[in-house]
Protein backbone atom coordinates (compact mmCIF):
# COMPACT_ATOMS: atom_id res chain seq x y z
CA UNK A 1 0.02 0.08 0.18
CA UNK A 2 2.88 2.28 1.02
CA UNK A 3 4.53 1.80 -2.63
CA UNK A 4 1.06 2.53 -4.43
CA UNK A 5 0.77 5.67 -2.56
CA UNK A 6 4.28 6.90 -3.14
CA UNK A 7 3.62 6.10 -7.03
CA UNK A 8 0.65 8.18 -6.95
CA UNK A 9 2.31 10.97 -5.23
CA UNK A 10 5.16 11.06 -7.86
CA UNK A 11 2.66 10.92 -11.03
CA UNK A 12 0.54 13.71 -9.46
CA UNK A 13 3.39 15.83 -8.75
CA UNK A 14 4.64 15.10 -12.28
CA UNK A 15 1.08 16.15 -13.59
CA UNK A 16 1.52 19.25 -11.65
CA UNK A 17 4.89 20.30 -12.78
CA UNK A 18 3.95 19.67 -16.39
CA UNK A 19 0.52 21.61 -16.12
CA UNK A 20 2.85 24.76 -14.83
CA UNK A 21 5.39 24.01 -17.73
CA UNK A 22 2.54 24.39 -20.13
CA UNK A 23 0.94 27.35 -18.81
CA UNK A 24 4.10 29.27 -18.55
CA UNK A 25 4.91 28.57 -22.34
CA UNK A 26 4.20 31.43 -24.48
CA UNK A 27 0.77 31.20 -26.29
CA UNK A 28 2.77 31.95 -29.47
CA UNK A 29 4.39 28.56 -29.60
CA UNK A 30 1.96 26.88 -31.18
CA UNK A 31 0.83 29.69 -33.38
CA UNK A 32 2.21 29.71 -37.01
CA UNK A 33 4.64 32.45 -37.73
CA UNK A 34 3.19 35.89 -39.40
CA UNK A 35 3.27 35.72 -43.19
CA UNK A 36 5.64 37.93 -45.18
CA UNK A 37 4.40 38.81 -48.63
CA UNK A 38 7.03 37.81 -51.35
CA UNK A 39 5.52 39.10 -54.50
CA UNK A 40 2.95 42.01 -54.67
CA UNK A 41 1.43 42.98 -57.95
CA UNK A 42 -0.79 46.17 -58.43
CA UNK A 43 -3.28 46.17 -61.06
CA UNK A 44 -5.90 48.91 -62.01
CA UNK A 45 -6.73 52.06 -63.41
CA UNK A 46 -5.91 55.74 -62.76
CA UNK A 47 -7.20 55.58 -59.29
CA UNK A 48 -4.06 53.40 -58.43
CA UNK A 49 -1.92 55.48 -61.31
CA UNK A 50 -2.78 58.89 -59.27
CA UNK A 51 -1.90 61.04 -62.46
CA UNK A 52 0.14 64.20 -61.27
CA UNK A 53 0.41 63.35 -57.55
CA UNK A 54 3.90 64.38 -56.70
CA UNK A 55 4.76 64.69 -60.35
CA UNK A 56 4.62 62.74 -63.30
CA UNK A 57 6.31 59.43 -63.63
CA UNK A 58 7.75 58.83 -66.89
CA UNK A 59 5.90 56.22 -69.08
CA UNK A 60 2.82 55.83 -71.21
CA UNK A 61 0.37 54.94 -68.02
CA UNK A 62 0.39 58.87 -67.08
CA UNK A 63 1.37 57.47 -63.27
CA UNK A 64 1.99 60.25 -60.66
CA UNK A 65 5.23 59.64 -58.42
CA UNK A 66 3.07 58.88 -55.55
CA UNK A 67 0.91 56.04 -55.69
CA UNK A 68 -0.76 53.59 -53.34
CA UNK A 69 1.05 50.50 -54.08
CA UNK A 70 4.30 52.08 -52.74
CA UNK A 71 2.75 53.80 -49.87
CA UNK A 72 0.94 50.51 -48.86
CA UNK A 73 4.47 48.64 -49.23
CA UNK A 74 5.75 51.11 -46.51
CA UNK A 75 3.04 50.69 -44.26
CA UNK A 76 3.28 46.91 -44.48
CA UNK A 77 7.07 47.08 -43.91
CA UNK A 78 6.57 48.83 -40.61
CA UNK A 79 7.72 47.70 -37.48
CA UNK A 80 4.81 45.84 -35.55
CA UNK A 81 3.59 45.04 -38.73
CA UNK A 82 5.81 43.08 -40.91
CA UNK A 83 3.81 41.97 -43.39
CA UNK A 84 6.60 42.86 -45.94
CA UNK A 85 10.55 43.21 -45.79
CA UNK A 86 13.43 44.34 -47.94
CA UNK A 87 13.15 41.00 -49.98
CA UNK A 88 9.44 41.75 -51.22
CA UNK A 89 9.09 42.39 -54.85
CA UNK A 90 6.55 44.85 -56.03
CA UNK A 91 5.29 44.95 -59.64
CA UNK A 92 3.09 47.83 -60.67
CA UNK A 93 0.91 47.61 -64.16
CA UNK A 94 -1.90 49.79 -63.38
CA UNK A 95 -2.72 52.10 -66.10
CA UNK A 96 -4.91 55.24 -66.55
CA UNK A 97 -7.90 54.77 -68.47
CA UNK A 98 -7.79 50.86 -68.17
CA UNK A 99 -10.86 48.90 -68.20
CA UNK A 100 -11.60 45.19 -66.93
CA UNK A 101 -10.72 43.86 -70.60
CA UNK A 102 -7.33 45.69 -69.86
CA UNK A 103 -7.08 43.10 -66.78
CA UNK A 104 -8.52 39.82 -68.16
CA UNK A 105 -9.73 38.50 -71.39
CA UNK A 106 -12.38 36.80 -69.54
CA UNK A 107 -13.89 39.92 -68.81
CA UNK A 108 -14.85 40.40 -72.52
CA UNK A 109 -16.65 37.13 -72.59
CA UNK A 110 -19.77 38.66 -70.65
CA UNK A 111 -22.12 40.54 -72.69
CA UNK A 112 -23.81 43.55 -71.68
CA UNK A 113 -27.40 44.43 -72.12
CA UNK A 114 -28.47 44.28 -75.79
CA UNK A 115 -29.70 48.04 -75.62
CA UNK A 116 -25.70 48.75 -74.63
CA UNK A 117 -24.23 45.99 -76.46
CA UNK A 118 -21.62 48.74 -78.56
CA UNK A 119 -19.71 48.94 -75.39
CA UNK A 120 -18.22 45.37 -76.41
CA UNK A 121 -16.11 47.19 -79.00
CA UNK A 122 -14.98 50.07 -77.02
CA UNK A 123 -11.07 50.41 -77.32
CA UNK A 124 -9.14 49.49 -74.34
CA UNK A 125 -7.54 52.18 -71.95
CA UNK A 126 -6.59 55.40 -73.44
CA UNK A 127 -3.11 55.02 -72.12
CA UNK A 128 -2.66 51.48 -72.14
CA UNK A 129 -1.85 51.54 -75.70
CA UNK A 130 -2.47 47.74 -76.34
CA UNK A 131 -4.93 45.89 -78.57
CA UNK A 132 -7.58 44.12 -76.85
CA UNK A 133 -6.55 40.38 -76.22
CA UNK A 134 -2.77 40.98 -76.64
CA UNK A 135 -1.18 41.79 -73.21
CA UNK A 136 -3.29 41.92 -70.12
CA UNK A 137 -2.30 43.14 -66.69
CA UNK A 138 -3.27 39.80 -65.24
CA UNK A 139 -0.48 38.46 -67.32
CA UNK A 140 1.87 39.90 -64.59
CA UNK A 141 0.45 37.53 -61.97
CA UNK A 142 2.67 34.73 -61.34
CA UNK A 143 2.50 31.48 -59.19
CA UNK A 144 4.54 33.23 -56.69
CA UNK A 145 2.51 36.32 -56.35
CA UNK A 146 0.97 36.03 -52.91
CA UNK A 147 -0.55 39.52 -52.72
CA UNK A 148 -2.56 41.38 -55.57
CA UNK A 149 -4.52 44.76 -55.08
CA UNK A 150 -7.05 45.27 -57.97
CA UNK A 151 -8.78 48.79 -58.41
CA UNK A 152 -11.01 48.55 -61.64
CA UNK A 153 -14.48 48.99 -62.89
CA UNK A 154 -15.21 52.90 -62.97
CA UNK A 155 -13.99 53.32 -66.71
CA UNK A 156 -16.19 50.36 -67.80
CA UNK A 157 -19.21 52.66 -66.95
CA UNK A 158 -17.74 56.00 -68.09
CA UNK A 159 -18.82 55.57 -71.71
CA UNK A 160 -22.33 55.71 -70.80
CA UNK A 161 -22.25 57.09 -67.33
CA UNK A 162 -20.96 60.52 -65.98
CA UNK A 163 -19.62 59.73 -62.55
CA UNK A 164 -19.39 63.28 -61.72
CA UNK A 165 -23.44 63.40 -61.84
CA UNK A 166 -24.43 61.28 -58.82
CA UNK A 167 -27.63 62.99 -58.63
CA UNK A 168 -28.81 62.97 -62.36
CA UNK A 169 -31.59 60.21 -62.48
CA UNK A 170 -30.73 59.36 -65.81
CA UNK A 171 -27.22 58.58 -65.36
CA UNK A 172 -28.15 56.44 -62.17
CA UNK A 173 -30.51 54.83 -64.31
CA UNK A 174 -28.16 53.67 -66.82
CA UNK A 175 -25.58 53.03 -64.22
CA UNK A 176 -28.14 50.01 -62.55
CA UNK A 177 -28.89 48.86 -65.95
CA UNK A 178 -25.03 48.21 -66.46
CA UNK A 179 -24.35 46.89 -62.84
CA UNK A 180 -25.20 43.03 -63.50
CA UNK A 181 -22.90 42.86 -66.21
CA UNK A 182 -20.35 44.75 -64.80
CA UNK A 183 -20.13 42.40 -61.78
CA UNK A 184 -19.92 39.48 -64.01
CA UNK A 185 -17.08 41.09 -65.49
CA UNK A 186 -15.48 41.91 -62.39
CA UNK A 187 -16.11 38.35 -61.27
CA UNK A 188 -14.52 36.71 -64.22
CA UNK A 189 -11.49 39.35 -63.97
CA UNK A 190 -11.05 38.30 -60.03
CA UNK A 191 -11.12 35.05 -60.46
CA UNK A 192 -8.75 35.00 -63.56
CA UNK A 193 -6.14 36.90 -61.27
CA UNK A 194 -6.79 34.68 -58.36
CA UNK A 195 -6.27 31.53 -60.39
CA UNK A 196 -2.99 33.04 -61.62
CA UNK A 197 -1.49 33.57 -58.18
CA UNK A 198 -0.04 31.63 -55.46
CA UNK A 199 -2.54 29.04 -53.53
CA UNK A 200 -2.10 31.34 -50.35
CA UNK A 201 -2.47 34.75 -51.95
CA UNK A 202 -4.65 37.49 -50.84
CA UNK A 203 -6.38 39.66 -53.53
CA UNK A 204 -7.84 42.95 -52.10
CA UNK A 205 -10.10 44.65 -54.50
CA UNK A 206 -10.99 48.16 -53.74
CA UNK A 207 -14.17 50.35 -54.22
CA UNK A 208 -14.13 53.99 -55.25
CA UNK A 209 -14.09 57.38 -53.68
CA UNK A 210 -18.09 58.08 -54.18
CA UNK A 211 -19.48 61.62 -54.55
CA UNK A 212 -21.84 61.58 -51.89
CA UNK A 213 -25.32 63.33 -51.59
CA UNK A 214 -24.15 65.83 -48.80
CA UNK A 215 -21.23 66.97 -51.35
CA UNK A 216 -23.75 68.00 -53.99
CA UNK A 217 -25.48 71.50 -53.53
CA UNK A 218 -28.81 71.13 -52.20
CA UNK A 219 -28.47 67.29 -52.06
CA UNK A 220 -30.28 65.16 -54.06
CA UNK A 221 -33.76 66.21 -52.94
CA UNK A 222 -35.56 65.15 -56.18
CA UNK A 223 -34.65 61.31 -55.84
CA UNK A 224 -33.75 60.62 -52.19
CA UNK A 225 -34.42 57.05 -52.43
CA UNK A 226 -31.95 56.29 -55.58
CA UNK A 227 -28.74 55.13 -55.00
CA UNK A 228 -25.87 57.34 -56.95
CA UNK A 229 -23.91 56.18 -59.59
CA UNK A 230 -21.09 55.90 -56.93
CA UNK A 231 -23.06 53.83 -54.83
CA UNK A 232 -23.96 51.70 -57.65
CA UNK A 233 -20.43 51.13 -58.79
CA UNK A 234 -19.09 50.29 -55.34
CA UNK A 235 -22.10 47.60 -54.72
CA UNK A 236 -21.29 45.85 -58.11
CA UNK A 237 -17.70 45.74 -57.21
CA UNK A 238 -18.47 44.51 -53.52
CA UNK A 239 -21.03 41.82 -54.77
CA UNK A 240 -18.73 40.67 -57.30
CA UNK A 241 -15.77 40.15 -54.49
CA UNK A 242 -18.46 38.34 -52.50
CA UNK A 243 -19.29 35.97 -55.29
CA UNK A 244 -15.57 35.49 -56.26
CA UNK A 245 -14.55 34.76 -52.63
CA UNK A 246 -17.74 32.11 -52.42
CA UNK A 247 -16.24 30.35 -55.56
CA UNK A 248 -12.79 30.45 -54.06
CA UNK A 249 -13.97 29.09 -50.77
CA UNK A 250 -15.51 26.02 -52.44
CA UNK A 251 -12.14 24.83 -53.44
CA UNK A 252 -10.66 22.47 -51.17
CA UNK A 253 -7.10 22.76 -52.63
CA UNK A 254 -7.11 26.62 -52.35
CA UNK A 255 -6.47 29.14 -49.13
CA UNK A 256 -6.76 32.41 -51.34
CA UNK A 257 -8.35 35.25 -49.75
CA UNK A 258 -10.29 37.62 -51.55
CA UNK A 259 -11.10 41.03 -49.68
CA UNK A 260 -13.31 44.10 -50.54
CA UNK A 261 -11.64 47.46 -49.39
CA UNK A 262 -14.31 50.14 -48.78
CA UNK A 263 -12.63 52.84 -50.13
CA UNK A 264 -16.03 55.20 -50.07
CA UNK A 265 -16.23 54.32 -46.17
CA UNK A 266 -12.95 55.39 -45.83
CA UNK A 267 -13.28 58.78 -47.57
CA UNK A 268 -16.69 59.51 -45.61
CA UNK A 269 -14.88 58.92 -42.22
CA UNK A 270 -11.59 60.70 -43.23
CA UNK A 271 -10.75 63.86 -41.23
CA UNK A 272 -8.05 66.08 -42.89
CA UNK A 273 -7.39 67.67 -46.26
CA UNK A 274 -9.44 66.60 -49.20
CA UNK A 275 -8.95 63.01 -50.64
CA UNK A 276 -10.51 63.80 -53.89
CA UNK A 277 -10.01 66.60 -56.57
CA UNK A 278 -13.37 68.02 -57.81
CA UNK A 279 -14.43 68.63 -61.25
CA UNK A 280 -12.08 71.47 -61.44
CA UNK A 281 -8.44 70.60 -60.06
CA UNK A 282 -6.85 73.88 -58.57
CA UNK A 283 -3.58 72.28 -57.46
CA UNK A 284 -1.75 70.86 -60.82
CA UNK A 285 0.83 68.76 -58.37
CA UNK A 286 -2.07 67.09 -56.20
CA UNK A 287 -3.90 65.11 -58.61
CA UNK A 288 -5.98 65.61 -61.64
CA UNK A 289 -9.63 66.34 -61.79
CA UNK A 290 -12.09 63.46 -60.43
CA UNK A 291 -9.05 61.42 -58.97
CA UNK A 292 -7.46 60.91 -55.53
CA UNK A 293 -5.21 63.81 -54.19
CA UNK A 294 -2.02 62.85 -52.36
CA UNK A 295 -4.27 62.86 -49.08
CA UNK A 296 -6.29 60.34 -50.92
CA UNK A 297 -3.47 57.93 -51.98
CA UNK A 298 -2.61 57.88 -48.34
CA UNK A 299 -5.98 56.92 -47.76
CA UNK A 300 -6.01 54.16 -50.08
CA UNK A 301 -2.92 52.80 -48.47
CA UNK A 302 -4.25 52.79 -45.08
CA UNK A 303 -7.66 51.12 -45.89
CA UNK A 304 -5.90 48.36 -47.89
CA UNK A 305 -3.29 47.70 -45.18
CA UNK A 306 -6.21 47.52 -42.47
CA UNK A 307 -7.65 44.96 -44.63
CA UNK A 308 -4.79 43.09 -45.06
CA UNK A 309 -3.82 43.11 -41.05
CA UNK A 310 -7.06 41.41 -40.60
CA UNK A 311 -7.02 39.15 -43.42
CA UNK A 312 -3.54 37.64 -41.74
């Protein structure tokens, strides 16, 4: 009986000792190390290129010197964030005037409403200077690309819709008519990009700064229930991200994350200098009319960085 008691005491002591050691071990011991993006590719239109901001960057795509991809890179390399480091490579192929057709060949498969079918033959982005189907921005996304940002869609509407007239009921009607086809084009584009990227890539798709009713003199008092053109554009992008993410999530082989970055909300909550140039740009080095300012570039970078931190 004494032997049994001594054994029991030894076992109990060992269990207590083990539990104490386990409790004192840092919680991070069982957690995977934080990821570090290796290859970042930026795709999109002039909302990425930021024409004139900080000056002109040489090239045909009318890029400014200060753009959100490089500003995002600074934020993700910051101490305490460490989602990028000095070995991370950045590939920028954004171009002023770009359409979904400049990003992916698959975007052109989606037909528009018959009354607007002529948009199928619209030329590619003004500054892209490439024939449709030859070179696509998505071609820059490789199997080692583990971060992609996409800002696209506004120019697909621009042929028929004036985004600077958010309260015009005719403009809003045309935008609503185009929205379902635009959403499908965006889904095709996002899925094409995701399929080219690393299996564990993060795809961050941004919305746009949207002219809000409060910014229009007198507000939209005639049609207060009608979504603005910007609202319709951002909804199409957000829904496309949701659909593409659902498709991606149904694949057991993929761990890609597709996330929406709500730029309109970020702009609405922003406190400080203007993030968007109005119809008449007064500062020739701070963005062209109807485009982000230097402050807007920072806002884009901050909003995307927040989403990426949450995505892990």
